[in-house]
Amino acid sequence: ELNLIKDAVKVANDLDLEVAAGHGLNYQNVK
């Protein structure tokens, strides 16, 4: 899942889309 998110960010950036992320993030998993 982490690799999928990384690849998705790259695809979006290559299309000149800014990227945010969220849902379920907390102090333990956010880094």
PDB file of all heavy atoms in Angstrom:
ATOM      1  N   GLU A   1       0.831  -1.214   0.000  1.00  0.00           N
ATOM      2  CA  GLU A   1       0.000   0.000   0.000  1.00  0.00           C
ATOM      3  C   GLU A   1       0.857   1.253   0.000  1.00  0.00           C
ATOM      4  O   GLU A   1       0.552   2.220  -0.708  1.00  0.00           O
ATOM      5  CB  GLU A   1      -0.942  -0.008   1.209  1.00  0.00           C
ATOM      6  CG  GLU A   1      -1.964   1.118   1.223  1.00  0.00           C
ATOM      7  CD  GLU A   1      -2.983   1.045   0.093  1.00  0.00           C
ATOM      8  OE1 GLU A   1      -3.107  -0.011  -0.535  1.00  0.00           O
ATOM      9  OE2 GLU A   1      -3.670   2.073  -0.142  1.00  0.00           O
ATOM     10  N   LEU A   2       1.933   1.256   0.764  1.00  0.00           N
ATOM     11  CA  LEU A   2       2.843   2.403   0.763  1.00  0.00           C
ATOM     12  C   LEU A   2       3.468   2.613  -0.613  1.00  0.00           C
ATOM     13  O   LEU A   2       3.568   3.750  -1.087  1.00  0.00           O
ATOM     14  CB  LEU A   2       3.944   2.202   1.812  1.00  0.00           C
ATOM     15  CG  LEU A   2       3.553   2.528   3.251  1.00  0.00           C
ATOM     16  CD1 LEU A   2       4.632   2.047   4.220  1.00  0.00           C
ATOM     17  CD2 LEU A   2       3.321   4.026   3.437  1.00  0.00           C
ATOM     18  N   ASN A   3       3.866   1.537  -1.257  1.00  0.00           N
ATOM     19  CA  ASN A   3       4.448   1.652  -2.601  1.00  0.00           C
ATOM     20  C   ASN A   3       3.415   2.156  -3.606  1.00  0.00           C
ATOM     21  O   ASN A   3       3.747   2.949  -4.508  1.00  0.00           O
ATOM     22  CB  ASN A   3       5.011   0.304  -3.063  1.00  0.00           C
ATOM     23  CG  ASN A   3       6.294  -0.060  -2.347  1.00  0.00           C
ATOM     24  OD1 ASN A   3       7.045   0.824  -1.913  1.00  0.00           O
ATOM     25  ND2 ASN A   3       6.572  -1.339  -2.203  1.00  0.00           N
ATOM     26  N   LEU A   4       2.165   1.716  -3.445  1.00  0.00           N
ATOM     27  CA  LEU A   4       1.097   2.181  -4.324  1.00  0.00           C
ATOM     28  C   LEU A   4       0.875   3.679  -4.158  1.00  0.00           C
ATOM     29  O   LEU A   4       0.727   4.411  -5.149  1.00  0.00           O
ATOM     30  CB  LEU A   4      -0.194   1.415  -4.024  1.00  0.00           C
ATOM     31  CG  LEU A   4      -1.424   1.812  -4.848  1.00  0.00           C
ATOM     32  CD1 LEU A   4      -1.169   1.578  -6.335  1.00  0.00           C
ATOM     33  CD2 LEU A   4      -2.649   1.027  -4.384  1.00  0.00           C
ATOM     34  N   ILE A   5       0.882   4.143  -2.914  1.00  0.00           N
ATOM     35  CA  ILE A   5       0.709   5.578  -2.655  1.00  0.00           C
ATOM     36  C   ILE A   5       1.866   6.373  -3.251  1.00  0.00           C
ATOM     37  O   ILE A   5       1.664   7.409  -3.895  1.00  0.00           O
ATOM     38  CB  ILE A   5       0.568   5.845  -1.136  1.00  0.00           C
ATOM     39  CG1 ILE A   5      -0.733   5.233  -0.612  1.00  0.00           C
ATOM     40  CG2 ILE A   5       0.600   7.345  -0.845  1.00  0.00           C
ATOM     41  CD1 ILE A   5      -0.866   5.259   0.911  1.00  0.00           C
ATOM     42  N   LYS A   6       3.090   5.885  -3.060  1.00  0.00           N
ATOM     43  CA  LYS A   6       4.267   6.565  -3.634  1.00  0.00           C
ATOM     44  C   LYS A   6       4.152   6.680  -5.150  1.00  0.00           C
ATOM     45  O   LYS A   6       4.409   7.735  -5.730  1.00  0.00           O
ATOM     46  CB  LYS A   6       5.548   5.801  -3.269  1.00  0.00           C
ATOM     47  CG  LYS A   6       5.973   5.932  -1.827  1.00  0.00           C
ATOM     48  CD  LYS A   6       7.198   5.068  -1.547  1.00  0.00           C
ATOM     49  CE  LYS A   6       7.568   5.098  -0.074  1.00  0.00           C
ATOM     50  NZ  LYS A   6       8.692   4.180   0.230  1.00  0.00           N
ATOM     51  N   ASP A   7       3.764   5.587  -5.787  1.00  0.00           N
ATOM     52  CA  ASP A   7       3.630   5.599  -7.249  1.00  0.00           C
ATOM     53  C   ASP A   7       2.500   6.534  -7.685  1.00  0.00           C
ATOM     54  O   ASP A   7       2.614   7.229  -8.704  1.00  0.00           O
ATOM     55  CB  ASP A   7       3.358   4.184  -7.757  1.00  0.00           C
ATOM     56  CG  ASP A   7       4.565   3.265  -7.619  1.00  0.00           C
ATOM     57  OD1 ASP A   7       5.692   3.781  -7.445  1.00  0.00           O
ATOM     58  OD2 ASP A   7       4.380   2.036  -7.669  1.00  0.00           O
ATOM     59  N   ALA A   8       1.410   6.558  -6.913  1.00  0.00           N
ATOM     60  CA  ALA A   8       0.282   7.429  -7.236  1.00  0.00           C
ATOM     61  C   ALA A   8       0.680   8.899  -7.148  1.00  0.00           C
ATOM     62  O   ALA A   8       0.285   9.717  -7.990  1.00  0.00           O
ATOM     63  CB  ALA A   8      -0.887   7.142  -6.287  1.00  0.00           C
ATOM     64  N   VAL A   9       1.476   9.226  -6.155  1.00  0.00           N
ATOM     65  CA  VAL A   9       1.960  10.609  -6.007  1.00  0.00           C
ATOM     66  C   VAL A   9       2.788  11.007  -7.223  1.00  0.00           C
ATOM     67  O   VAL A   9       2.636  12.106  -7.771  1.00  0.00           O
ATOM     68  CB  VAL A   9       2.790  10.766  -4.713  1.00  0.00           C
ATOM     69  CG1 VAL A   9       3.441  12.146  -4.654  1.00  0.00           C
ATOM     70  CG2 VAL A   9       1.913  10.548  -3.485  1.00  0.00           C
ATOM     71  N   LYS A  10       3.650  10.107  -7.670  1.00  0.00           N
ATOM     72  CA  LYS A  10       4.491  10.410  -8.841  1.00  0.00           C
ATOM     73  C   LYS A  10       3.648  10.619 -10.095  1.00  0.00           C
ATOM     74  O   LYS A  10       3.880  11.548 -10.874  1.00  0.00           O
ATOM     75  CB  LYS A  10       5.509   9.291  -9.067  1.00  0.00           C
ATOM     76  CG  LYS A  10       6.514   9.615 -10.173  1.00  0.00           C
ATOM     77  CD  LYS A  10       7.535   8.529 -10.358  1.00  0.00           C
ATOM     78  CE  LYS A  10       8.618   8.956 -11.343  1.00  0.00           C
ATOM     79  NZ  LYS A  10       8.074   9.437 -12.630  1.00  0.00           N
ATOM     80  N   VAL A  11       2.656   9.761 -10.287  1.00  0.00           N
ATOM     81  CA  VAL A  11       1.764   9.901 -11.446  1.00  0.00           C
ATOM     82  C   VAL A  11       1.072  11.259 -11.421  1.00  0.00           C
ATOM     83  O   VAL A  11       0.989  11.965 -12.429  1.00  0.00           O
ATOM     84  CB  VAL A  11       0.729   8.753 -11.478  1.00  0.00           C
ATOM     85  CG1 VAL A  11      -0.364   9.035 -12.510  1.00  0.00           C
ATOM     86  CG2 VAL A  11       1.407   7.424 -11.782  1.00  0.00           C
ATOM     87  N   ALA A  12       0.576  11.639 -10.238  1.00  0.00           N
ATOM     88  CA  ALA A  12      -0.121  12.924 -10.098  1.00  0.00           C
ATOM     89  C   ALA A  12       0.825  14.095 -10.348  1.00  0.00           C
ATOM     90  O   ALA A  12       0.477  15.044 -11.061  1.00  0.00           O
ATOM     91  CB  ALA A  12      -0.736  13.028  -8.706  1.00  0.00           C
ATOM     92  N   ASN A  13       2.003  14.044  -9.775  1.00  0.00           N
ATOM     93  CA  ASN A  13       2.983  15.116  -9.980  1.00  0.00           C
ATOM     94  C   ASN A  13       3.367  15.261 -11.448  1.00  0.00           C
ATOM     95  O   ASN A  13       3.523  16.370 -11.960  1.00  0.00           O
ATOM     96  CB  ASN A  13       4.236  14.863  -9.143  1.00  0.00           C
ATOM     97  CG  ASN A  13       4.047  15.096  -7.656  1.00  0.00           C
ATOM     98  OD1 ASN A  13       4.868  14.680  -6.846  1.00  0.00           O
ATOM     99  ND2 ASN A  13       2.969  15.759  -7.271  1.00  0.00           N
ATOM    100  N   ASP A  14       3.503  14.126 -12.143  1.00  0.00           N
ATOM    101  CA  ASP A  14       3.849  14.153 -13.567  1.00  0.00           C
ATOM    102  C   ASP A  14       2.740  14.806 -14.398  1.00  0.00           C
ATOM    103  O   ASP A  14       2.999  15.311 -15.498  1.00  0.00           O
ATOM    104  CB  ASP A  14       4.111  12.742 -14.084  1.00  0.00           C
ATOM    105  CG  ASP A  14       5.434  12.169 -13.584  1.00  0.00           C
ATOM    106  OD1 ASP A  14       6.261  12.953 -13.072  1.00  0.00           O
ATOM    107  OD2 ASP A  14       5.631  10.939 -13.688  1.00  0.00           O
ATOM    108  N   LEU A  15       1.518  14.796 -13.860  1.00  0.00           N
ATOM    109  CA  LEU A  15       0.383  15.433 -14.527  1.00  0.00           C
ATOM    110  C   LEU A  15       0.169  16.870 -14.030  1.00  0.00           C
ATOM    111  O   LEU A  15      -0.841  17.492 -14.358  1.00  0.00           O
ATOM    112  CB  LEU A  15      -0.888  14.612 -14.288  1.00  0.00           C
ATOM    113  CG  LEU A  15      -0.949  13.250 -14.981  1.00  0.00           C
ATOM    114  CD1 LEU A  15      -2.144  12.444 -14.473  1.00  0.00           C
ATOM    115  CD2 LEU A  15      -1.023  13.412 -16.495  1.00  0.00           C
ATOM    116  N   ASP A  16       1.129  17.367 -13.235  1.00  0.00           N
ATOM    117  CA  ASP A  16       1.048  18.725 -12.680  1.00  0.00           C
ATOM    118  C   ASP A  16      -0.128  18.913 -11.729  1.00  0.00           C
ATOM    119  O   ASP A  16      -0.711  19.997 -11.631  1.00  0.00           O
ATOM    120  CB  ASP A  16       0.982  19.785 -13.793  1.00  0.00           C
ATOM    121  CG  ASP A  16       2.288  19.872 -14.571  1.00  0.00           C
ATOM    122  OD1 ASP A  16       3.348  19.717 -13.951  1.00  0.00           O
ATOM    123  OD2 ASP A  16       2.229  20.075 -15.791  1.00  0.00           O
ATOM    124  N   LEU A  17      -0.482  17.845 -11.028  1.00  0.00           N
ATOM    125  CA  LEU A  17      -1.490  17.929  -9.963  1.00  0.00           C
ATOM    126  C   LEU A  17      -0.769  18.049  -8.626  1.00  0.00           C
ATOM    127  O   LEU A  17       0.187  17.314  -8.356  1.00  0.00           O
ATOM    128  CB  LEU A  17      -2.366  16.672  -9.945  1.00  0.00           C
ATOM    129  CG  LEU A  17      -3.400  16.520 -11.064  1.00  0.00           C
ATOM    130  CD1 LEU A  17      -3.930  15.092 -11.095  1.00  0.00           C
ATOM    131  CD2 LEU A  17      -4.541  17.513 -10.875  1.00  0.00           C
ATOM    132  N   GLU A  18      -1.213  18.985  -7.797  1.00  0.00           N
ATOM    133  CA  GLU A  18      -0.707  19.028  -6.426  1.00  0.00           C
ATOM    134  C   GLU A  18      -1.308  17.859  -5.654  1.00  0.00           C
ATOM    135  O   GLU A  18      -2.420  17.402  -5.968  1.00  0.00           O
ATOM    136  CB  GLU A  18      -1.083  20.355  -5.769  1.00  0.00           C
ATOM    137  CG  GLU A  18      -0.380  21.554  -6.370  1.00  0.00           C
ATOM    138  CD  GLU A  18      -0.653  22.822  -5.586  1.00  0.00           C
ATOM    139  OE1 GLU A  18      -1.823  23.053  -5.216  1.00  0.00           O
ATOM    140  OE2 GLU A  18       0.305  23.579  -5.341  1.00  0.00           O
ATOM    141  N   VAL A  19      -0.589  17.385  -4.647  1.00  0.00           N
ATOM    142  CA  VAL A  19      -1.032  16.189  -3.929  1.00  0.00           C
ATOM    143  C   VAL A  19      -1.077  16.429  -2.425  1.00  0.00           C
ATOM    144  O   VAL A  19      -0.091  16.854  -1.813  1.00  0.00           O
ATOM    145  CB  VAL A  19      -0.110  14.979  -4.217  1.00  0.00           C
ATOM    146  CG1 VAL A  19      -0.608  13.745  -3.471  1.00  0.00           C
ATOM    147  CG2 VAL A  19      -0.048  14.699  -5.717  1.00  0.00           C
ATOM    148  N   ALA A  20      -2.238  16.156  -1.857  1.00  0.00           N
ATOM    149  CA  ALA A  20      -2.417  16.113  -0.409  1.00  0.00           C
ATOM    150  C   ALA A  20      -2.731  14.667  -0.033  1.00  0.00           C
ATOM    151  O   ALA A  20      -2.924  13.812  -0.906  1.00  0.00           O
ATOM    152  CB  ALA A  20      -3.553  17.042   0.020  1.00  0.00           C
ATOM    153  N   ALA A  21      -2.770  14.387   1.251  1.00  0.00           N
ATOM    154  CA  ALA A  21      -3.125  13.044   1.705  1.00  0.00           C
ATOM    155  C   ALA A  21      -3.868  13.154   3.029  1.00  0.00           C
ATOM    156  O   ALA A  21      -3.673  14.109   3.788  1.00  0.00           O
ATOM    157  CB  ALA A  21      -1.878  12.171   1.861  1.00  0.00           C
ATOM    158  N   GLY A  22      -4.707  12.175   3.295  1.00  0.00           N
ATOM    159  CA  GLY A  22      -5.422  12.192   4.562  1.00  0.00           C
ATOM    160  C   GLY A  22      -6.372  11.027   4.716  1.00  0.00           C
ATOM    161  O   GLY A  22      -6.672  10.319   3.761  1.00  0.00           O
ATOM    162  N   HIS A  23      -6.806  10.824   5.904  1.00  0.00           N
ATOM    163  CA  HIS A  23      -7.778   9.847   6.389  1.00  0.00           C
ATOM    164  C   HIS A  23      -7.073   8.772   7.217  1.00  0.00           C
ATOM    165  O   HIS A  23      -6.252   8.017   6.722  1.00  0.00           O
ATOM    166  CB  HIS A  23      -8.587   9.173   5.280  1.00  0.00           C
ATOM    167  CG  HIS A  23      -9.893   8.619   5.797  1.00  0.00           C
ATOM    168  ND1 HIS A  23     -10.990   9.417   6.043  1.00  0.00           N
ATOM    169  CD2 HIS A  23     -10.252   7.381   6.181  1.00  0.00           C
ATOM    170  CE1 HIS A  23     -11.982   8.683   6.513  1.00  0.00           C
ATOM    171  NE2 HIS A  23     -11.551   7.439   6.618  1.00  0.00           N
ATOM    172  N   GLY A  24      -7.406   8.761   8.492  1.00  0.00           N
ATOM    173  CA  GLY A  24      -6.856   7.766   9.401  1.00  0.00           C
ATOM    174  C   GLY A  24      -5.444   8.053   9.872  1.00  0.00           C
ATOM    175  O   GLY A  24      -4.866   7.261  10.629  1.00  0.00           O
ATOM    176  N   LEU A  25      -4.862   9.161   9.450  1.00  0.00           N
ATOM    177  CA  LEU A  25      -3.491   9.470   9.869  1.00  0.00           C
ATOM    178  C   LEU A  25      -3.475   9.893  11.329  1.00  0.00           C
ATOM    179  O   LEU A  25      -4.336  10.634  11.787  1.00  0.00           O
ATOM    180  CB  LEU A  25      -2.896  10.564   8.980  1.00  0.00           C
ATOM    181  CG  LEU A  25      -2.767  10.223   7.498  1.00  0.00           C
ATOM    182  CD1 LEU A  25      -2.178  11.390   6.724  1.00  0.00           C
ATOM    183  CD2 LEU A  25      -1.914   8.962   7.300  1.00  0.00           C
ATOM    184  N   ASN A  26      -2.465   9.408  12.056  1.00  0.00           N
ATOM    185  CA  ASN A  26      -2.344   9.740  13.473  1.00  0.00           C
ATOM    186  C   ASN A  26      -0.875   9.909  13.848  1.00  0.00           C
ATOM    187  O   ASN A  26       0.006   9.861  12.989  1.00  0.00           O
ATOM    188  CB  ASN A  26      -3.039   8.685  14.347  1.00  0.00           C
ATOM    189  CG  ASN A  26      -2.467   7.286  14.154  1.00  0.00           C
ATOM    190  OD1 ASN A  26      -1.281   7.104  13.894  1.00  0.00           O
ATOM    191  ND2 ASN A  26      -3.310   6.274  14.291  1.00  0.00           N
ATOM    192  N   TYR A  27      -0.609  10.074  15.119  1.00  0.00           N
ATOM    193  CA  TYR A  27       0.757  10.359  15.581  1.00  0.00           C
ATOM    194  C   TYR A  27       1.696   9.176  15.371  1.00  0.00           C
ATOM    195  O   TYR A  27       2.908   9.351  15.312  1.00  0.00           O
ATOM    196  CB  TYR A  27       0.735  10.750  17.059  1.00  0.00           C
ATOM    197  CG  TYR A  27      -0.035  12.020  17.325  1.00  0.00           C
ATOM    198  CD1 TYR A  27      -1.395  11.990  17.593  1.00  0.00           C
ATOM    199  CD2 TYR A  27       0.600  13.266  17.290  1.00  0.00           C
ATOM    200  CE1 TYR A  27      -2.104  13.157  17.817  1.00  0.00           C
ATOM    201  CE2 TYR A  27      -0.100  14.435  17.519  1.00  0.00           C
ATOM    202  CZ  TYR A  27      -1.460  14.375  17.778  1.00  0.00           C
ATOM    203  OH  TYR A  27      -2.165  15.529  17.989  1.00  0.00           O
ATOM    204  N   GLN A  28       1.147   7.985  15.268  1.00  0.00           N
ATOM    205  CA  GLN A  28       1.984   6.803  15.106  1.00  0.00           C
ATOM    206  C   GLN A  28       2.310   6.500  13.637  1.00  0.00           C
ATOM    207  O   GLN A  28       3.399   6.037  13.322  1.00  0.00           O
ATOM    208  CB  GLN A  28       1.289   5.573  15.722  1.00  0.00           C
ATOM    209  CG  GLN A  28       1.231   5.575  17.240  1.00  0.00           C
ATOM    210  CD  GLN A  28       0.229   6.595  17.779  1.00  0.00           C
ATOM    211  OE1 GLN A  28      -0.902   6.690  17.293  1.00  0.00           O
ATOM    212  NE2 GLN A  28       0.624   7.341  18.789  1.00  0.00           N
ATOM    213  N   ASN A  29       1.358   6.761  12.734  1.00  0.00           N
ATOM    214  CA  ASN A  29       1.552   6.311  11.350  1.00  0.00           C
ATOM    215  C   ASN A  29       1.881   7.425  10.363  1.00  0.00           C
ATOM    216  O   ASN A  29       2.112   7.165   9.183  1.00  0.00           O
ATOM    217  CB  ASN A  29       0.312   5.536  10.867  1.00  0.00           C
ATOM    218  CG  ASN A  29      -0.930   6.409  10.761  1.00  0.00           C
ATOM    219  OD1 ASN A  29      -0.863   7.617  10.569  1.00  0.00           O
ATOM    220  ND2 ASN A  29      -2.090   5.782  10.885  1.00  0.00           N
ATOM    221  N   VAL A  30       1.897   8.672  10.818  1.00  0.00           N
ATOM    222  CA  VAL A  30       1.965   9.796   9.882  1.00  0.00           C
ATOM    223  C   VAL A  30       3.326   9.960   9.202  1.00  0.00           C
ATOM    224  O   VAL A  30       3.403  10.437   8.073  1.00  0.00           O
ATOM    225  CB  VAL A  30       1.555  11.111  10.587  1.00  0.00           C
ATOM    226  CG1 VAL A  30       2.652  11.581  11.552  1.00  0.00           C
ATOM    227  CG2 VAL A  30       1.235  12.197   9.575  1.00  0.00           C
ATOM    228  N   LYS A  31       4.405   9.547   9.866  1.00  0.00           N
ATOM    229  CA  LYS A  31       5.742   9.841   9.324  1.00  0.00           C
ATOM    230  C   LYS A  31       5.981   9.221   7.954  1.00  0.00           C
ATOM    231  O   LYS A  31       6.586   9.839   7.080  1.00  0.00           O
ATOM    232  CB  LYS A  31       6.824   9.401  10.315  1.00  0.00           C
ATOM    233  CG  LYS A  31       7.196  10.496  11.302  1.00  0.00           C
ATOM    234  CD  LYS A  31       8.517  10.216  11.964  1.00  0.00           C
ATOM    235  CE  LYS A  31       9.024  11.415  12.735  1.00  0.00           C
ATOM    236  NZ  LYS A  31       9.364  12.552  11.867  1.00  0.00           N
TER     237      LYS A  31
END
